[in-house]
C-alpha atoms as a PDB file:
ATOM      1  CA  MET A   1       8.579   0.961  -3.595  1.00  0.00           C
ATOM      2  CA  MET A   2      11.670   1.790  -5.635  1.00  0.00           C
ATOM      3  CA  ASN A   3      14.485   0.893  -3.272  1.00  0.00           C
ATOM      4  CA  LEU A   4      16.140  -1.907  -5.239  1.00  0.00           C
ATOM      5  CA  ARG A   5      19.092  -3.590  -3.581  1.00  0.00           C
ATOM      6  CA  PRO A   6      21.429  -6.222  -5.036  1.00  0.00           C
ATOM      7  CA  ASN A   7      20.246  -9.158  -2.957  1.00  0.00           C
ATOM      8  CA  LEU A   8      16.621  -9.526  -4.071  1.00  0.00           C
ATOM      9  CA  LEU A   9      15.452 -13.103  -3.886  1.00  0.00           C
ATOM     10  CA  SER A  10      14.351 -15.836  -1.574  1.00  0.00           C
ATOM     11  CA  ARG A  11      17.220 -16.699   0.747  1.00  0.00           C
ATOM     12  CA  ALA A  12      16.968 -20.360  -0.029  1.00  0.00           C
ATOM     13  CA  ALA A  13      17.345 -19.792  -3.777  1.00  0.00           C
ATOM     14  CA  ALA A  14      19.988 -17.079  -3.648  1.00  0.00           C
ATOM     15  CA  ILE A  15      23.261 -18.919  -4.134  1.00  0.00           C
ATOM     16  CA  PRO A  16      22.843 -20.676  -7.523  1.00  0.00           C
ATOM     17  CA  LEU A  17      21.456 -17.608  -9.311  1.00  0.00           C
ATOM     18  CA  ALA A  18      23.321 -14.893  -7.442  1.00  0.00           C
ATOM     19  CA  PRO A  19      25.636 -13.729 -10.287  1.00  0.00           C
ATOM     20  CA  VAL A  20      22.755 -13.301 -12.738  1.00  0.00           C
ATOM     21  CA  LEU A  21      20.507 -11.655 -10.173  1.00  0.00           C
ATOM     22  CA  LEU A  22      23.155  -9.183  -9.092  1.00  0.00           C
ATOM     23  CA  VAL A  23      23.561  -8.022 -12.682  1.00  0.00           C
ATOM     24  CA  GLN A  24      19.816  -7.774 -13.235  1.00  0.00           C
ATOM     25  CA  ALA A  25      19.284  -5.856  -9.992  1.00  0.00           C
ATOM     26  CA  ARG A  26      21.921  -3.299 -10.974  1.00  0.00           C
ATOM     27  CA  ARG A  27      20.371  -2.920 -14.415  1.00  0.00           C
ATOM     28  CA  ALA A  28      16.930  -2.447 -12.893  1.00  0.00           C
ATOM     29  CA  ARG A  29      18.191   0.291 -10.602  1.00  0.00           C
ATOM     30  CA  ALA A  30      19.803   2.066 -13.545  1.00  0.00           C
ATOM     31  CA  SER A  31      16.969   1.653 -16.055  1.00  0.00           C
ATOM     32  CA  ILE A  32      13.789   2.255 -14.022  1.00  0.00           C
ATOM     33  CA  PRO A  33      13.168   6.016 -13.809  1.00  0.00           C
ATOM     34  CA  ARG A  34      12.833   7.455 -10.322  1.00  0.00           C
ATOM     35  CA  LEU A  35       9.584   9.381 -10.388  1.00  0.00           C
ATOM     36  CA  PRO A  36       8.874  12.165  -7.886  1.00  0.00           C
ATOM     37  CA  ASP A  37       6.373  12.035  -5.062  1.00  0.00           C
ATOM     38  CA  ALA A  38       2.977  13.625  -5.574  1.00  0.00           C
ATOM     39  CA  ALA A  39       3.140  17.361  -5.066  1.00  0.00           C
ATOM     40  CA  LEU A  40       2.263  18.897  -1.730  1.00  0.00           C
ATOM     41  CA  PRO A  41      -0.104  19.244   0.036  1.00  0.00           C
ATOM     42  CA  TRP A  42      -0.627  15.660   1.154  1.00  0.00           C
ATOM     43  CA  SER A  43      -3.916  16.492   2.818  1.00  0.00           C
ATOM     44  CA  GLY A  44      -7.169  17.606   1.308  1.00  0.00           C
ATOM     45  CA  SER A  45     -10.828  16.855   0.983  1.00  0.00           C
ATOM     46  CA  LEU A  46     -13.562  15.900  -1.406  1.00  0.00           C
ATOM     47  CA  PRO A  47     -16.665  17.878  -0.436  1.00  0.00           C
ATOM     48  CA  GLY A  48     -19.785  16.096   0.699  1.00  0.00           C
ATOM     49  CA  ALA A  49     -21.964  15.343   3.679  1.00  0.00           C
ATOM     50  CA  ASP A  50     -20.631  13.735   6.857  1.00  0.00           C
ATOM     51  CA  LEU A  51     -16.933  13.624   5.957  1.00  0.00           C
ATOM     52  CA  ILE A  52     -15.094  10.317   6.216  1.00  0.00           C
ATOM     53  CA  ARG A  53     -11.684  10.896   7.814  1.00  0.00           C
ATOM     54  CA  LEU A  54      -9.136   8.897   5.780  1.00  0.00           C
ATOM     55  CA  LEU A  55      -5.454   8.202   6.440  1.00  0.00           C
ATOM     56  CA  VAL A  56      -3.220   6.613   3.792  1.00  0.00           C
ATOM     57  CA  LEU A  57       0.038   5.434   5.372  1.00  0.00           C
ATOM     58  CA  GLY A  58       2.974   3.618   3.826  1.00  0.00           C
ATOM     59  CA  ASP A  59       5.551   3.566   1.079  1.00  0.00           C
ATOM     60  CA  SER A  60       5.774   5.128  -2.383  1.00  0.00           C
ATOM     61  CA  THR A  61       2.109   4.488  -3.097  1.00  0.00           C
ATOM     62  CA  ALA A  62       1.230   6.500   0.005  1.00  0.00           C
ATOM     63  CA  ALA A  63       3.620   9.172  -1.268  1.00  0.00           C
ATOM     64  CA  GLY A  64       1.658   9.231  -4.531  1.00  0.00           C
ATOM     65  CA  VAL A  65       4.577   8.307  -6.778  1.00  0.00           C
ATOM     66  CA  GLY A  66       3.269   8.081 -10.342  1.00  0.00           C
ATOM     67  CA  ALA A  67       0.655  10.831  -9.913  1.00  0.00           C
ATOM     68  CA  ASP A  68       1.027  14.607 -10.009  1.00  0.00           C
ATOM     69  CA  SER A  69      -1.074  15.152  -6.893  1.00  0.00           C
ATOM     70  CA  GLN A  70      -2.577  13.131  -4.065  1.00  0.00           C
ATOM     71  CA  SER A  71      -5.990  13.921  -5.521  1.00  0.00           C
ATOM     72  CA  GLU A  72      -4.982  11.671  -8.451  1.00  0.00           C
ATOM     73  CA  ALA A  73      -3.322   9.062  -6.214  1.00  0.00           C
ATOM     74  CA  LEU A  74      -4.730   6.779  -3.504  1.00  0.00           C
ATOM     75  CA  PRO A  75      -6.328   9.381  -1.193  1.00  0.00           C
ATOM     76  CA  GLY A  76      -8.272  11.127  -3.924  1.00  0.00           C
ATOM     77  CA  SER A  77      -9.184   7.881  -5.665  1.00  0.00           C
ATOM     78  CA  LEU A  78     -10.501   6.322  -2.445  1.00  0.00           C
ATOM     79  CA  ALA A  79     -12.391   9.539  -1.677  1.00  0.00           C
ATOM     80  CA  HIS A  80     -14.153   9.357  -5.037  1.00  0.00           C
ATOM     81  CA  GLU A  81     -15.139   5.751  -4.350  1.00  0.00           C
ATOM     82  CA  PHE A  82     -16.516   6.716  -0.938  1.00  0.00           C
ATOM     83  CA  GLY A  83     -18.508   9.491  -2.548  1.00  0.00           C
ATOM     84  CA  ASP A  84     -19.910   7.271  -5.299  1.00  0.00           C
ATOM     85  CA  ARG A  85     -20.818   4.392  -2.984  1.00  0.00           C
ATOM     86  CA  PHE A  86     -21.783   6.098   0.280  1.00  0.00           C
ATOM     87  CA  ASP A  87     -22.721   9.611  -0.843  1.00  0.00           C
ATOM     88  CA  ARG A  88     -20.259  11.047   1.668  1.00  0.00           C
ATOM     89  CA  GLY A  89     -17.375  13.458   1.436  1.00  0.00           C
ATOM     90  CA  THR A  90     -13.846  12.642   2.578  1.00  0.00           C
ATOM     91  CA  SER A  91     -11.086  14.526   4.350  1.00  0.00           C
ATOM     92  CA  TRP A  92      -7.792  12.761   3.762  1.00  0.00           C
ATOM     93  CA  THR A  93      -4.163  12.751   4.850  1.00  0.00           C
ATOM     94  CA  ALA A  94      -1.229  10.824   3.366  1.00  0.00           C
ATOM     95  CA  ILE A  95       1.878   9.966   5.395  1.00  0.00           C
ATOM     96  CA  GLY A  96       4.886   7.941   4.253  1.00  0.00           C
ATOM     97  CA  GLU A  97       7.900   7.873   1.991  1.00  0.00           C
ATOM     98  CA  ASN A  98       9.128   6.382  -1.254  1.00  0.00           C
ATOM     99  CA  GLY A  99      11.254   3.380  -0.258  1.00  0.00           C
ATOM    100  CA  ALA A 100       9.828   3.034   3.255  1.00  0.00           C
ATOM    101  CA  THR A 101       9.831  -0.399   4.885  1.00  0.00           C
ATOM    102  CA  SER A 102       7.578  -1.542   7.705  1.00  0.00           C
ATOM    103  CA  ARG A 103      10.419  -0.753  10.116  1.00  0.00           C
ATOM    104  CA  ASP A 104      10.639   2.789   8.704  1.00  0.00           C
ATOM    105  CA  ILE A 105       6.906   3.256   9.253  1.00  0.00           C
ATOM    106  CA  LEU A 106       7.232   2.149  12.873  1.00  0.00           C
ATOM    107  CA  GLU A 107      10.272   4.248  13.677  1.00  0.00           C
ATOM    108  CA  ARG A 108       9.728   7.404  11.628  1.00  0.00           C
ATOM    109  CA  PHE A 109       6.092   7.873  10.617  1.00  0.00           C
ATOM    110  CA  LEU A 110       3.803   6.213  13.132  1.00  0.00           C
ATOM    111  CA  ASP A 111       3.940   9.070  15.642  1.00  0.00           C
ATOM    112  CA  ASP A 112       2.544  11.438  13.007  1.00  0.00           C
ATOM    113  CA  ALA A 113       0.036   8.812  11.876  1.00  0.00           C
ATOM    114  CA  THR A 114      -1.321   8.414  15.402  1.00  0.00           C
ATOM    115  CA  ALA A 115      -1.505  12.138  16.180  1.00  0.00           C
ATOM    116  CA  ALA A 116      -5.100  12.323  14.890  1.00  0.00           C
ATOM    117  CA  THR A 117      -8.037   9.948  14.618  1.00  0.00           C
ATOM    118  CA  TYR A 118      -9.603   8.546  11.460  1.00  0.00           C
ATOM    119  CA  ASP A 119     -12.612   6.561  10.281  1.00  0.00           C
ATOM    120  CA  VAL A 120     -10.643   4.590   7.660  1.00  0.00           C
ATOM    121  CA  VAL A 121      -6.916   3.831   7.702  1.00  0.00           C
ATOM    122  CA  PHE A 122      -5.319   2.421   4.555  1.00  0.00           C
ATOM    123  CA  LEU A 123      -1.886   0.882   5.195  1.00  0.00           C
ATOM    124  CA  THR A 124       0.090   0.161   2.026  1.00  0.00           C
ATOM    125  CA  ILE A 125       3.252  -1.702   2.962  1.00  0.00           C
ATOM    126  CA  GLY A 126       5.582  -4.549   2.114  1.00  0.00           C
ATOM    127  CA  ALA A 127       7.150  -4.043  -1.292  1.00  0.00           C
ATOM    128  CA  ASN A 128      10.362  -2.595   0.132  1.00  0.00           C
ATOM    129  CA  ASP A 129      10.528  -5.302   2.789  1.00  0.00           C
ATOM    130  CA  ALA A 130      10.514  -7.838  -0.047  1.00  0.00           C
ATOM    131  CA  LEU A 131      13.087  -5.862  -2.020  1.00  0.00           C
ATOM    132  CA  GLY A 132      15.296  -5.706   1.062  1.00  0.00           C
ATOM    133  CA  LEU A 133      14.880  -9.413   1.872  1.00  0.00           C
ATOM    134  CA  ARG A 134      13.321  -8.876   5.299  1.00  0.00           C
ATOM    135  CA  SER A 135      12.535 -12.085   7.107  1.00  0.00           C
ATOM    136  CA  ARG A 136       8.969 -13.383   7.463  1.00  0.00           C
ATOM    137  CA  ARG A 137       9.094 -13.040  11.226  1.00  0.00           C
ATOM    138  CA  ALA A 138      10.386  -9.454  11.234  1.00  0.00           C
ATOM    139  CA  PHE A 139       7.918  -8.258   8.641  1.00  0.00           C
ATOM    140  CA  ALA A 140       4.909  -9.911  10.275  1.00  0.00           C
ATOM    141  CA  ARG A 141       5.927  -8.564  13.685  1.00  0.00           C
ATOM    142  CA  ASP A 142       6.224  -5.008  12.336  1.00  0.00           C
ATOM    143  CA  VAL A 143       2.912  -5.115  10.482  1.00  0.00           C
ATOM    144  CA  ARG A 144       1.078  -6.374  13.555  1.00  0.00           C
ATOM    145  CA  GLU A 145       2.656  -3.700  15.752  1.00  0.00           C
ATOM    146  CA  ILE A 146       1.721  -0.951  13.282  1.00  0.00           C
ATOM    147  CA  VAL A 147      -1.860  -2.206  13.194  1.00  0.00           C
ATOM    148  CA  ARG A 148      -1.950  -2.517  16.990  1.00  0.00           C
ATOM    149  CA  ARG A 149      -0.832   1.085  17.484  1.00  0.00           C
ATOM    150  CA  LEU A 150      -3.200   2.417  14.844  1.00  0.00           C
ATOM    151  CA  ARG A 151      -6.067   0.546  16.490  1.00  0.00           C
ATOM    152  CA  ALA A 152      -5.219   1.955  19.928  1.00  0.00           C
ATOM    153  CA  VAL A 153      -5.784   5.486  18.614  1.00  0.00           C
ATOM    154  CA  ASN A 154      -8.657   4.611  16.251  1.00  0.00           C
ATOM    155  CA  PRO A 155     -10.782   2.081  18.170  1.00  0.00           C
ATOM    156  CA  ASP A 156     -13.708   2.171  15.741  1.00  0.00           C
ATOM    157  CA  ALA A 157     -11.880   2.677  12.454  1.00  0.00           C
ATOM    158  CA  LEU A 158     -11.819   0.311   9.506  1.00  0.00           C
ATOM    159  CA  LEU A 159      -8.155  -0.677   9.043  1.00  0.00           C
ATOM    160  CA  LEU A 160      -7.300  -1.846   5.531  1.00  0.00           C
ATOM    161  CA  VAL A 161      -3.925  -3.496   4.957  1.00  0.00           C
ATOM    162  CA  SER A 162      -2.573  -3.665   1.412  1.00  0.00           C
ATOM    163  CA  LEU A 163       0.451  -5.928   1.191  1.00  0.00           C
ATOM    164  CA  MET A 164       2.577  -7.194  -1.688  1.00  0.00           C
ATOM    165  CA  PRO A 165       2.201  -6.245  -5.324  1.00  0.00           C
ATOM    166  CA  ARG A 166       2.415  -9.034  -7.884  1.00  0.00           C
ATOM    167  CA  PHE A 167       6.085  -8.734  -8.807  1.00  0.00           C
ATOM    168  CA  ASP A 168       5.719 -11.626 -11.239  1.00  0.00           C
ATOM    169  CA  ARG A 169       3.606  -9.270 -13.393  1.00  0.00           C
ATOM    170  CA  PHE A 170       6.096  -6.385 -13.426  1.00  0.00           C
ATOM    171  CA  ARG A 171       7.352  -6.026 -16.989  1.00  0.00           C
ATOM    172  CA  SER A 172      10.058  -3.660 -15.722  1.00  0.00           C
ATOM    173  CA  LEU A 173      11.815  -6.582 -13.989  1.00  0.00           C
ATOM    174  CA  GLN A 174      13.634  -9.362 -15.826  1.00  0.00           C
ATOM    175  CA  SER A 175      13.556 -13.055 -15.039  1.00  0.00           C
ATOM    176  CA  PRO A 176      14.878 -14.771 -12.948  1.00  0.00           C
ATOM    177  CA  LEU A 177      14.964 -11.641 -10.744  1.00  0.00           C
ATOM    178  CA  ARG A 178      11.214 -11.100 -11.193  1.00  0.00           C
ATOM    179  CA  TRP A 179      10.244 -14.655 -10.245  1.00  0.00           C
ATOM    180  CA  ASN A 180      12.513 -14.945  -7.232  1.00  0.00           C
ATOM    181  CA  LEU A 181      11.390 -11.573  -5.922  1.00  0.00           C
ATOM    182  CA  ALA A 182       7.772 -12.652  -6.381  1.00  0.00           C
ATOM    183  CA  LEU A 183       8.494 -15.862  -4.450  1.00  0.00           C
ATOM    184  CA  HIS A 184       9.933 -14.005  -1.466  1.00  0.00           C
ATOM    185  CA  ALA A 185       7.158 -11.397  -1.556  1.00  0.00           C
ATOM    186  CA  ALA A 186       4.515 -14.126  -1.461  1.00  0.00           C
ATOM    187  CA  SER A 187       6.172 -15.622   1.620  1.00  0.00           C
ATOM    188  CA  LEU A 188       6.143 -12.274   3.441  1.00  0.00           C
ATOM    189  CA  ASP A 189       2.565 -11.665   2.324  1.00  0.00           C
ATOM    190  CA  ASP A 190       1.372 -14.939   3.849  1.00  0.00           C
ATOM    191  CA  ALA A 191       3.141 -14.211   7.143  1.00  0.00           C
ATOM    192  CA  ALA A 192       1.651 -10.725   7.472  1.00  0.00           C
ATOM    193  CA  ARG A 193      -1.854 -11.954   6.676  1.00  0.00           C
ATOM    194  CA  ALA A 194      -1.572 -14.525   9.426  1.00  0.00           C
ATOM    195  CA  ALA A 195      -0.369 -11.828  11.833  1.00  0.00           C
ATOM    196  CA  VAL A 196      -3.505  -9.662  11.396  1.00  0.00           C
ATOM    197  CA  ARG A 197      -6.054 -12.400  10.781  1.00  0.00           C
ATOM    198  CA  GLY A 198      -8.967 -12.251  13.193  1.00  0.00           C
ATOM    199  CA  LEU A 199      -8.290  -8.724  14.446  1.00  0.00           C
ATOM    200  CA  ASP A 200     -11.473  -6.702  14.812  1.00  0.00           C
ATOM    201  CA  ARG A 201     -12.309  -4.523  11.775  1.00  0.00           C
ATOM    202  CA  VAL A 202      -8.904  -5.217  10.203  1.00  0.00           C
ATOM    203  CA  PHE A 203      -8.980  -6.492   6.643  1.00  0.00           C
ATOM    204  CA  ALA A 204      -5.964  -7.588   4.604  1.00  0.00           C
ATOM    205  CA  LEU A 205      -6.870  -6.945   0.992  1.00  0.00           C
ATOM    206  CA  PRO A 206      -6.686  -9.817  -1.505  1.00  0.00           C
ATOM    207  CA  LYS A 207      -3.732 -10.099  -3.814  1.00  0.00           C
ATOM    208  CA  PRO A 208      -4.239  -7.705  -6.724  1.00  0.00           C
ATOM    209  CA  PRO A 209      -5.883  -8.786  -9.976  1.00  0.00           C
ATOM    210  CA  PRO A 210      -3.981  -8.691 -13.278  1.00  0.00           C
ATOM    211  CA  TYR A 211      -2.701  -5.196 -13.966  1.00  0.00           C
ATOM    212  CA  THR A 212      -4.331  -3.512 -16.941  1.00  0.00           C
ATOM    213  CA  PRO A 213      -2.306  -1.744 -19.674  1.00  0.00           C
ATOM    214  CA  THR A 214      -3.435   1.622 -18.270  1.00  0.00           C
ATOM    215  CA  PHE A 215      -2.444   0.794 -14.685  1.00  0.00           C
ATOM    216  CA  TRP A 216       1.198   1.825 -14.904  1.00  0.00           C
ATOM    217  CA  ALA A 217       3.020   5.113 -14.548  1.00  0.00           C
ATOM    218  CA  THR A 218       5.780   5.873 -17.037  1.00  0.00           C
ATOM    219  CA  ASP A 219       8.323   3.865 -15.002  1.00  0.00           C
ATOM    220  CA  LEU A 220       6.228   0.680 -15.411  1.00  0.00           C
ATOM    221  CA  PHE A 221       6.811   0.098 -11.706  1.00  0.00           C
ATOM    222  CA  HIS A 222       4.268   2.300  -9.901  1.00  0.00           C
ATOM    223  CA  PRO A 223       0.602   3.003 -10.580  1.00  0.00           C
ATOM    224  CA  GLY A 224      -0.307   6.041 -12.623  1.00  0.00           C
ATOM    225  CA  PRO A 225      -3.518   8.027 -12.075  1.00  0.00           C
ATOM    226  CA  SER A 226      -5.581   5.366 -13.875  1.00  0.00           C
ATOM    227  CA  GLY A 227      -3.875   2.673 -11.803  1.00  0.00           C
ATOM    228  CA  TYR A 228      -4.721   4.405  -8.549  1.00  0.00           C
ATOM    229  CA  ARG A 229      -8.367   4.687  -9.634  1.00  0.00           C
ATOM    230  CA  GLU A 230      -8.455   0.992 -10.568  1.00  0.00           C
ATOM    231  CA  TRP A 231      -6.818   0.115  -7.244  1.00  0.00           C
ATOM    232  CA  ALA A 232      -9.358   2.131  -5.229  1.00  0.00           C
ATOM    233  CA  GLU A 233     -12.233   0.451  -7.054  1.00  0.00           C
ATOM    234  CA  PHE A 234     -10.699  -2.971  -6.376  1.00  0.00           C
ATOM    235  CA  VAL A 235     -10.355  -2.079  -2.683  1.00  0.00           C
ATOM    236  CA  LEU A 236     -14.021  -1.174  -2.233  1.00  0.00           C
ATOM    237  CA  ASP A 237     -15.123  -4.201  -4.263  1.00  0.00           C
ATOM    238  CA  SER A 238     -13.009  -6.473  -2.026  1.00  0.00           C
ATOM    239  CA  VAL A 239     -13.920  -5.313   1.471  1.00  0.00           C
ATOM    240  CA  PRO A 240     -16.775  -7.367   2.969  1.00  0.00           C
ATOM    241  CA  LEU A 241     -20.081  -5.526   3.117  1.00  0.00           C
ATOM    242  CA  SER A 242     -20.256  -6.112   6.860  1.00  0.00           C
ATOM    243  CA  LEU A 243     -17.113  -4.001   7.324  1.00  0.00           C
ATOM    244  CA  LEU A 244     -18.402  -1.250   5.038  1.00  0.00           C
ATOM    245  CA  ALA A 245     -21.828  -1.109   6.681  1.00  0.00           C
ATOM    246  CA  PRO A 246     -20.845   1.418   9.387  1.00  0.00           C
ATOM    247  CA  LEU A 247     -19.805   3.894   6.700  1.00  0.00           C
ATOM    248  CA  ARG A 248     -23.339   3.707   5.314  1.00  0.00           C
ATOM    249  CA  ARG A 249     -25.018   3.557   8.720  1.00  0.00           C
ATOM    250  CA  ASN A 250     -23.138   6.589  10.053  1.00  0.00           C
ATOM    251  CA  HIS A 251     -24.303   8.649   7.081  1.00  0.00           C
ATOM    252  CA  SER A 252     -27.945   7.702   7.525  1.00  0.00           C
ATOM    253  CA  ARG A 253     -27.749   8.407  11.277  1.00  0.00           C
ATOM    254  CA  ARG A 254     -25.925  11.734  11.100  1.00  0.00           C
ATOM    255  CA  GLY A 255     -27.244  13.060   7.778  1.00  0.00           C
END
């Protein structure tokens, strides 16, 4: 997510606050530590019966920034939730890059992401589109195209789309930068949700709950290991039971 650029607010509100926001954006870039990606490998497994094939695709949170390994980041955290709730193992792969936008995913990572098939695809995307002031139309178009191409290769998969973080709750960002960034992010979030609404077995996750004190990595911008675990629990609590049912049904049928 950490690809801060000087022009970081809703286009309509930019002009009156531009001098202050430019200063704050530069300070944020200088003061927020740039944490490394999770160490390789970005694929692995959590042993168990009838493995769920999981892909995590997206930006810095797909890259595991804030955790030492992907086992402590989203893939491993989701795998533990699958094990606890469905009594199944998970084989997982993470693909993406710190700073990636939806356009980057389309142009640079989607070929790799569609080279294999999965049972669950977790797309984490949008923060850098907000930071880069992408338009609603461009962002929604890219998200829908990513989902369309993932669906073409994974016709029966559950596709989970995680969109904007709550920038208004980021203590690492000052106001008015924080509030204007949150305003633009909310606009992009609404557009992307509309773009995937009604698609079969595609679920856009709700906006995140308040972040706990243990959620953050040391940069106060990305999740740490505890944050990834909290996020994975929130994901499985949020997905409708009807969409999760095949994960249970497949285990009972195959096991």
